[in-house]
Amino acid sequence: MIMRPIALAAAGVLAGLLAGCTTPAQPLADEPRHPSIAADLSPVPAFTGGGEGWSIEIASTGKGDHDASLNADGRTWKGALRYRGQPADAPSSLIVLNGELGKQPAIVEIKREPCRSAEGMDTQASVQVTMEGQPQRRGCGHLAVY
């Protein structure tokens, strides 16, 4: 039948496309890593912060991985974030963590800069949380240092 070779070809193309959608759990051996990750350190050993009506806590678990918890609107989203190194063309004060919170894709951007919270507290970092299905959140926080 003519349909069979076409179906097999379509299945092969689909499998090839989907193969590119998977993300390896571990970085590839030749993938560049931030120098601190090689020493099992993260530029974010711990972070606590938030804004009006929300808060986030992040703790390094080693090798660029972090546990995170976002509290907002009476809900808590827990998940894992990963530091993959300094983004190209980004200021050195910016730290970006990517991963999931509550099984939703999330990006947390921490910037080392003076920040004044809604309560009038001065901190040395600002934070922005972008999570699928949620409004973008901006606030201030405390970044632990080694």
C-alpha atoms as a PDB file:
ATOM      1  CA  MET A   1       0.000   0.000   0.000  1.00  0.00           C
ATOM      2  CA  ILE A   2       1.105   3.545  -0.682  1.00  0.00           C
ATOM      3  CA  MET A   3      -0.175   4.784   2.673  1.00  0.00           C
ATOM      4  CA  ARG A   4       2.224   2.607   4.660  1.00  0.00           C
ATOM      5  CA  PRO A   5       5.509   4.197   3.415  1.00  0.00           C
ATOM      6  CA  ILE A   6       4.013   7.661   3.888  1.00  0.00           C
ATOM      7  CA  ALA A   7       2.898   6.808   7.431  1.00  0.00           C
ATOM      8  CA  LEU A   8       6.339   5.390   8.245  1.00  0.00           C
ATOM      9  CA  ALA A   9       8.050   8.472   6.819  1.00  0.00           C
ATOM     10  CA  ALA A  10       5.740  10.769   8.795  1.00  0.00           C
ATOM     11  CA  ALA A  11       6.410   8.796  11.977  1.00  0.00           C
ATOM     12  CA  GLY A  12      10.161   9.081  11.363  1.00  0.00           C
ATOM     13  CA  VAL A  13       9.945  12.842  10.840  1.00  0.00           C
ATOM     14  CA  LEU A  14       7.787  13.241  13.969  1.00  0.00           C
ATOM     15  CA  ALA A  15      10.216  11.168  16.049  1.00  0.00           C
ATOM     16  CA  GLY A  16      13.100  13.307  14.793  1.00  0.00           C
ATOM     17  CA  LEU A  17      11.290  16.502  15.724  1.00  0.00           C
ATOM     18  CA  LEU A  18      10.322  15.244  19.171  1.00  0.00           C
ATOM     19  CA  ALA A  19      13.861  14.035  19.864  1.00  0.00           C
ATOM     20  CA  GLY A  20      14.971  17.670  19.870  1.00  0.00           C
ATOM     21  CA  CYS A  21      12.354  18.498  22.534  1.00  0.00           C
ATOM     22  CA  THR A  22      13.937  16.479  25.309  1.00  0.00           C
ATOM     23  CA  THR A  23      16.355  18.045  27.738  1.00  0.00           C
ATOM     24  CA  PRO A  24      19.126  15.944  29.234  1.00  0.00           C
ATOM     25  CA  ALA A  25      18.958  15.688  33.025  1.00  0.00           C
ATOM     26  CA  GLN A  26      22.705  16.263  33.266  1.00  0.00           C
ATOM     27  CA  PRO A  27      24.655  18.832  31.240  1.00  0.00           C
ATOM     28  CA  LEU A  28      26.619  17.362  28.371  1.00  0.00           C
ATOM     29  CA  ALA A  29      30.263  16.661  29.129  1.00  0.00           C
ATOM     30  CA  ASP A  30      31.493  19.386  26.786  1.00  0.00           C
ATOM     31  CA  GLU A  31      28.793  21.928  27.732  1.00  0.00           C
ATOM     32  CA  PRO A  32      30.457  25.032  29.204  1.00  0.00           C
ATOM     33  CA  ARG A  33      29.711  25.566  32.865  1.00  0.00           C
ATOM     34  CA  HIS A  34      30.077  28.628  35.019  1.00  0.00           C
ATOM     35  CA  PRO A  35      33.376  28.333  36.971  1.00  0.00           C
ATOM     36  CA  SER A  36      31.557  28.312  40.324  1.00  0.00           C
ATOM     37  CA  ILE A  37      29.450  25.313  39.271  1.00  0.00           C
ATOM     38  CA  ALA A  38      32.575  23.238  38.715  1.00  0.00           C
ATOM     39  CA  ALA A  39      33.352  23.736  42.414  1.00  0.00           C
ATOM     40  CA  ASP A  40      29.753  22.776  43.346  1.00  0.00           C
ATOM     41  CA  LEU A  41      29.069  26.417  44.174  1.00  0.00           C
ATOM     42  CA  SER A  42      26.246  28.594  42.934  1.00  0.00           C
ATOM     43  CA  PRO A  43      26.037  32.380  42.715  1.00  0.00           C
ATOM     44  CA  VAL A  44      22.793  31.811  44.660  1.00  0.00           C
ATOM     45  CA  PRO A  45      23.648  29.777  47.773  1.00  0.00           C
ATOM     46  CA  ALA A  46      20.373  31.048  49.275  1.00  0.00           C
ATOM     47  CA  PHE A  47      17.861  33.783  48.484  1.00  0.00           C
ATOM     48  CA  THR A  48      14.754  35.068  50.249  1.00  0.00           C
ATOM     49  CA  GLY A  49      12.643  37.822  48.825  1.00  0.00           C
ATOM     50  CA  GLY A  50       9.346  38.911  47.433  1.00  0.00           C
ATOM     51  CA  GLY A  51       6.981  41.773  47.001  1.00  0.00           C
ATOM     52  CA  GLU A  52       3.508  42.838  47.992  1.00  0.00           C
ATOM     53  CA  GLY A  53       1.502  39.656  48.569  1.00  0.00           C
ATOM     54  CA  TRP A  54       4.162  37.141  47.542  1.00  0.00           C
ATOM     55  CA  SER A  55       7.480  35.639  48.630  1.00  0.00           C
ATOM     56  CA  ILE A  56      10.114  33.283  47.260  1.00  0.00           C
ATOM     57  CA  GLU A  57      12.772  31.160  48.933  1.00  0.00           C
ATOM     58  CA  ILE A  58      15.629  29.541  47.027  1.00  0.00           C
ATOM     59  CA  ALA A  59      18.357  27.226  48.353  1.00  0.00           C
ATOM     60  CA  SER A  60      21.252  25.705  46.433  1.00  0.00           C
ATOM     61  CA  THR A  61      21.430  21.909  46.432  1.00  0.00           C
ATOM     62  CA  GLY A  62      24.774  21.801  44.583  1.00  0.00           C
ATOM     63  CA  LYS A  63      26.097  21.720  41.010  1.00  0.00           C
ATOM     64  CA  GLY A  64      23.894  24.619  39.881  1.00  0.00           C
ATOM     65  CA  ASP A  65      20.644  23.078  41.150  1.00  0.00           C
ATOM     66  CA  HIS A  66      18.263  24.813  43.574  1.00  0.00           C
ATOM     67  CA  ASP A  67      15.101  24.028  45.507  1.00  0.00           C
ATOM     68  CA  ALA A  68      12.574  26.860  45.365  1.00  0.00           C
ATOM     69  CA  SER A  69       9.234  27.761  46.899  1.00  0.00           C
ATOM     70  CA  LEU A  70       6.955  30.583  45.718  1.00  0.00           C
ATOM     71  CA  ASN A  71       4.080  31.701  47.964  1.00  0.00           C
ATOM     72  CA  ALA A  72       1.379  33.951  46.499  1.00  0.00           C
ATOM     73  CA  ASP A  73      -2.381  34.325  46.521  1.00  0.00           C
ATOM     74  CA  GLY A  74      -2.715  31.749  49.312  1.00  0.00           C
ATOM     75  CA  ARG A  75      -0.923  29.083  47.250  1.00  0.00           C
ATOM     76  CA  THR A  76       2.542  27.559  47.318  1.00  0.00           C
ATOM     77  CA  TRP A  77       4.425  26.401  44.231  1.00  0.00           C
ATOM     78  CA  LYS A  78       7.501  24.268  44.909  1.00  0.00           C
ATOM     79  CA  GLY A  79      10.024  23.148  42.383  1.00  0.00           C
ATOM     80  CA  ALA A  80      13.568  23.051  41.108  1.00  0.00           C
ATOM     81  CA  LEU A  81      15.579  25.783  39.404  1.00  0.00           C
ATOM     82  CA  ARG A  82      18.948  25.507  37.643  1.00  0.00           C
ATOM     83  CA  TYR A  83      21.741  28.004  37.103  1.00  0.00           C
ATOM     84  CA  ARG A  84      23.209  27.489  33.628  1.00  0.00           C
ATOM     85  CA  GLY A  85      25.830  30.222  33.675  1.00  0.00           C
ATOM     86  CA  GLN A  86      25.902  33.883  32.794  1.00  0.00           C
ATOM     87  CA  PRO A  87      23.577  34.791  29.889  1.00  0.00           C
ATOM     88  CA  ALA A  88      25.363  36.256  26.863  1.00  0.00           C
ATOM     89  CA  ASP A  89      25.431  40.060  26.850  1.00  0.00           C
ATOM     90  CA  ALA A  90      23.882  40.226  30.346  1.00  0.00           C
ATOM     91  CA  PRO A  91      25.299  42.476  33.064  1.00  0.00           C
ATOM     92  CA  SER A  92      27.489  40.631  35.568  1.00  0.00           C
ATOM     93  CA  SER A  93      25.068  41.644  38.326  1.00  0.00           C
ATOM     94  CA  LEU A  94      22.275  39.487  36.792  1.00  0.00           C
ATOM     95  CA  ILE A  95      21.718  35.866  37.857  1.00  0.00           C
ATOM     96  CA  VAL A  96      19.142  33.804  35.953  1.00  0.00           C
ATOM     97  CA  LEU A  97      17.645  30.541  37.234  1.00  0.00           C
ATOM     98  CA  ASN A  98      15.394  28.405  35.012  1.00  0.00           C
ATOM     99  CA  GLY A  99      13.170  25.464  35.871  1.00  0.00           C
ATOM    100  CA  GLU A 100       9.733  24.673  37.185  1.00  0.00           C
ATOM    101  CA  LEU A 101       7.586  25.837  40.081  1.00  0.00           C
ATOM    102  CA  GLY A 102       4.444  23.811  40.679  1.00  0.00           C
ATOM    103  CA  LYS A 103       5.161  21.942  37.418  1.00  0.00           C
ATOM    104  CA  GLN A 104       4.956  25.228  35.487  1.00  0.00           C
ATOM    105  CA  PRO A 105       7.944  26.636  33.558  1.00  0.00           C
ATOM    106  CA  ALA A 106       9.578  29.433  35.549  1.00  0.00           C
ATOM    107  CA  ILE A 107      12.403  31.960  35.232  1.00  0.00           C
ATOM    108  CA  VAL A 108      13.789  33.747  38.280  1.00  0.00           C
ATOM    109  CA  GLU A 109      16.041  36.749  37.682  1.00  0.00           C
ATOM    110  CA  ILE A 110      18.032  38.074  40.625  1.00  0.00           C
ATOM    111  CA  LYS A 111      19.993  41.275  40.183  1.00  0.00           C
ATOM    112  CA  ARG A 112      22.597  42.498  42.648  1.00  0.00           C
ATOM    113  CA  GLU A 113      21.481  46.112  43.062  1.00  0.00           C
ATOM    114  CA  PRO A 114      20.021  48.285  45.823  1.00  0.00           C
ATOM    115  CA  CYS A 115      16.278  47.695  46.117  1.00  0.00           C
ATOM    116  CA  ARG A 116      13.664  49.175  48.457  1.00  0.00           C
ATOM    117  CA  SER A 117      10.726  46.930  49.294  1.00  0.00           C
ATOM    118  CA  ALA A 118       7.098  48.059  49.495  1.00  0.00           C
ATOM    119  CA  GLU A 119       7.546  48.054  53.289  1.00  0.00           C
ATOM    120  CA  GLY A 120      10.473  50.483  52.985  1.00  0.00           C
ATOM    121  CA  MET A 121      13.188  47.906  53.727  1.00  0.00           C
ATOM    122  CA  ASP A 122      16.458  48.363  51.835  1.00  0.00           C
ATOM    123  CA  THR A 123      18.010  45.215  50.355  1.00  0.00           C
ATOM    124  CA  GLN A 124      20.935  44.499  48.051  1.00  0.00           C
ATOM    125  CA  ALA A 125      19.033  42.528  45.396  1.00  0.00           C
ATOM    126  CA  SER A 126      15.973  42.783  43.193  1.00  0.00           C
ATOM    127  CA  VAL A 127      14.043  39.747  41.981  1.00  0.00           C
ATOM    128  CA  GLN A 128      11.681  39.080  39.096  1.00  0.00           C
ATOM    129  CA  VAL A 129       9.693  35.845  38.805  1.00  0.00           C
ATOM    130  CA  THR A 130       8.110  34.861  35.509  1.00  0.00           C
ATOM    131  CA  MET A 131       5.986  31.726  35.706  1.00  0.00           C
ATOM    132  CA  GLU A 132       3.655  30.332  33.081  1.00  0.00           C
ATOM    133  CA  GLY A 133       0.021  31.089  33.899  1.00  0.00           C
ATOM    134  CA  GLN A 134       0.882  33.688  36.553  1.00  0.00           C
ATOM    135  CA  PRO A 135       1.416  37.455  36.516  1.00  0.00           C
ATOM    136  CA  GLN A 136       5.045  38.535  36.470  1.00  0.00           C
ATOM    137  CA  ARG A 137       6.189  39.372  39.993  1.00  0.00           C
ATOM    138  CA  ARG A 138       8.865  41.901  40.968  1.00  0.00           C
ATOM    139  CA  GLY A 139      10.314  42.588  44.363  1.00  0.00           C
ATOM    140  CA  CYS A 140      13.398  42.767  46.553  1.00  0.00           C
ATOM    141  CA  GLY A 141      15.366  40.270  48.548  1.00  0.00           C
ATOM    142  CA  HIS A 142      18.448  39.078  50.341  1.00  0.00           C
ATOM    143  CA  LEU A 143      21.090  37.101  48.461  1.00  0.00           C
ATOM    144  CA  ALA A 144      23.409  35.053  50.662  1.00  0.00           C
ATOM    145  CA  VAL A 145      27.102  35.106  49.795  1.00  0.00           C
ATOM    146  CA  TYR A 146      29.852  32.602  50.555  1.00  0.00           C
END
